[in-house]
Protein backbone atom coordinates (compact mmCIF):
# COMPACT_ATOMS: atom_id res chain seq x y z
CA UNK A 1 0.00 0.00 0.00
CA UNK A 2 1.36 3.42 -0.99
CA UNK A 3 1.11 5.99 1.82
CA UNK A 4 -0.99 9.10 1.26
CA UNK A 5 0.70 12.47 1.57
CA UNK A 6 -1.37 14.81 3.68
CA UNK A 7 -1.70 18.35 2.41
CA UNK A 8 0.10 20.90 4.60
CA UNK A 9 -2.47 23.56 3.74
CA UNK A 10 -5.25 21.31 5.01
CA UNK A 11 -3.34 20.59 8.22
CA UNK A 12 -2.77 24.33 8.72
CA UNK A 13 -6.50 24.91 8.15
CA UNK A 14 -7.32 22.33 10.83
CA UNK A 15 -5.00 24.03 13.32
CA UNK A 16 -6.32 27.50 12.43
CA UNK A 17 -9.95 26.40 12.75
CA UNK A 18 -9.23 24.86 16.13
CA UNK A 19 -7.28 27.88 17.38
CA UNK A 20 -9.93 30.37 16.24
CA UNK A 21 -12.89 28.28 17.38
CA UNK A 22 -14.55 27.30 14.12
CA UNK A 23 -14.65 26.99 10.35
CA UNK A 24 -16.19 30.43 9.80
CA UNK A 25 -13.42 32.15 11.76
CA UNK A 26 -10.77 30.12 9.94
CA UNK A 27 -12.38 30.98 6.60
CA UNK A 28 -12.24 34.66 7.45
CA UNK A 29 -8.59 34.48 8.54
CA UNK A 30 -7.52 32.36 5.56
CA UNK A 31 -9.52 34.29 2.96
CA UNK A 32 -11.72 31.36 1.99
CA UNK A 33 -15.39 30.53 2.23
CA UNK A 34 -16.67 28.45 5.15
CA UNK A 35 -17.78 25.88 2.55
CA UNK A 36 -14.20 25.58 1.27
CA UNK A 37 -12.94 25.02 4.82
CA UNK A 38 -15.63 22.42 5.43
CA UNK A 39 -14.69 20.64 2.21
CA UNK A 40 -11.02 20.56 3.23
CA UNK A 41 -11.95 19.01 6.58
CA UNK A 42 -14.19 16.42 4.90
CA UNK A 43 -11.35 15.51 2.54
CA UNK A 44 -8.94 15.18 5.49
CA UNK A 45 -11.38 12.90 7.31
CA UNK A 46 -11.73 10.84 4.14
CA UNK A 47 -7.95 10.55 3.71
CA UNK A 48 -7.56 9.46 7.33
CA UNK A 49 -10.60 7.18 7.22
CA UNK A 50 -12.08 8.38 10.49
CA UNK A 51 -14.29 11.20 11.80
CA UNK A 52 -12.31 14.10 13.26
CA UNK A 53 -15.30 16.12 14.48
CA UNK A 54 -18.46 15.51 16.49
CA UNK A 55 -21.44 17.75 17.08
CA UNK A 56 -21.22 19.68 20.31
CA UNK A 57 -24.39 21.71 20.75
CA UNK A 58 -24.46 24.13 17.81
CA UNK A 59 -20.75 23.66 17.09
CA UNK A 60 -18.21 20.96 16.50
CA UNK A 61 -15.55 19.52 18.73
CA UNK A 62 -12.67 17.19 17.97
CA UNK A 63 -12.98 13.46 18.40
CA UNK A 64 -10.07 11.56 19.94
CA UNK A 65 -8.79 10.97 16.39
CA UNK A 66 -9.22 14.69 15.72
CA UNK A 67 -7.13 15.58 18.78
CA UNK A 68 -4.43 13.14 17.67
CA UNK A 69 -4.51 14.56 14.13
CA UNK A 70 -4.28 18.12 15.47
CA UNK A 71 -1.27 17.23 17.62
CA UNK A 72 0.53 15.63 14.66
CA UNK A 73 -0.50 18.52 12.39
CA UNK A 74 1.10 21.01 14.76
CA UNK A 75 4.34 18.99 14.82
CA UNK A 76 4.40 18.61 11.03
CA UNK A 77 3.70 22.32 10.52
CA UNK A 78 6.38 23.27 13.06
CA UNK A 79 8.94 21.20 11.14
CA UNK A 80 7.79 22.73 7.86
CA UNK A 81 8.08 26.24 9.27
CA UNK A 82 11.46 25.48 10.86
CA UNK A 83 12.81 24.23 7.54
CA UNK A 84 11.62 27.36 5.74
CA UNK A 85 13.08 29.64 8.41
CA UNK A 86 16.40 27.77 8.30
CA UNK A 87 16.72 27.86 4.53
CA UNK A 88 15.46 31.40 4.19
CA UNK A 89 17.61 32.47 7.15
CA UNK A 90 20.64 31.38 5.17
CA UNK A 91 20.14 34.45 2.98
CA UNK A 92 20.03 36.93 5.88
CA UNK A 93 23.17 39.01 6.05
CA UNK A 94 24.58 41.74 8.24
CA UNK A 95 26.48 42.28 11.45
CA UNK A 96 25.49 41.43 15.01
CA UNK A 97 27.54 42.99 17.80
CA UNK A 98 27.44 40.76 20.87
CA UNK A 99 28.65 41.61 24.35
CA UNK A 100 29.28 38.88 26.88
CA UNK A 101 30.68 38.80 30.41
CA UNK A 102 33.71 36.55 30.93
CA UNK A 103 31.60 34.10 32.99
CA UNK A 104 29.65 33.01 29.91
CA UNK A 105 32.42 33.18 27.31
CA UNK A 106 33.11 29.45 27.60
CA UNK A 107 29.73 28.52 26.08
CA UNK A 108 30.06 30.91 23.15
CA UNK A 109 32.00 28.73 20.67
CA UNK A 110 29.19 26.16 20.48
CA UNK A 111 26.43 28.77 20.35
CA UNK A 112 28.21 30.91 17.74
CA UNK A 113 28.94 27.82 15.67
CA UNK A 114 25.23 26.96 15.56
CA UNK A 115 24.34 30.56 14.73
CA UNK A 116 26.87 30.57 11.87
CA UNK A 117 25.48 27.33 10.49
CA UNK A 118 21.97 28.82 10.36
CA UNK A 119 23.04 32.31 9.23
CA UNK A 120 26.24 31.83 7.23
CA UNK A 121 26.12 35.35 5.77
CA UNK A 122 25.92 37.07 9.16
CA UNK A 123 29.09 38.44 10.72
CA UNK A 124 29.41 38.31 14.49
CA UNK A 125 31.46 40.87 16.44
CA UNK A 126 32.12 39.69 19.98
CA UNK A 127 33.11 41.76 23.00
CA UNK A 128 34.00 39.94 26.22
CA UNK A 129 34.21 42.40 29.12
CA UNK A 130 32.98 43.10 32.61
CA UNK A 131 29.38 44.01 33.29
CA UNK A 132 30.02 47.74 33.76
CA UNK A 133 31.85 48.01 30.43
CA UNK A 134 29.09 46.05 28.67
CA UNK A 135 26.37 48.25 30.19
CA UNK A 136 28.26 51.31 28.98
CA UNK A 137 28.59 49.79 25.49
CA UNK A 138 24.83 49.12 25.37
CA UNK A 139 24.09 52.73 26.36
CA UNK A 140 26.39 53.98 23.60
CA UNK A 141 24.80 51.57 21.05
CA UNK A 142 28.16 49.87 20.52
CA UNK A 143 26.69 46.38 20.96
CA UNK A 144 23.35 44.92 19.87
CA UNK A 145 22.99 42.03 22.30
């Protein structure tokens, strides 16, 4: 059996509808009609082969499968967004002026290495000094962080 690929847009719609409290609110936020949102949710239920919603008074609430789907959707979307931020962050360029007290200087190589991997076009200027000198440098706009 070939696995089905779930549509990220549909998963984002599910999360948005849940966060905003309904299909109509999600439709308004996403610039779609409530019918289009409803159709997306029906298609998602069909792809998963299980109901995701149950009637709750005048509204809908998530079934246990709906809660599970929402939790996975959030994780999938977070990974998607993280990938985009990482790749798009690679094109950010400029200079960051960092001040650090001597006490924390030992952790900087690892942190700066990770920063450079994510933002290879950024240049980091580092100042390691005492707290008073760093506070003065902040006041004079000589360091950013």
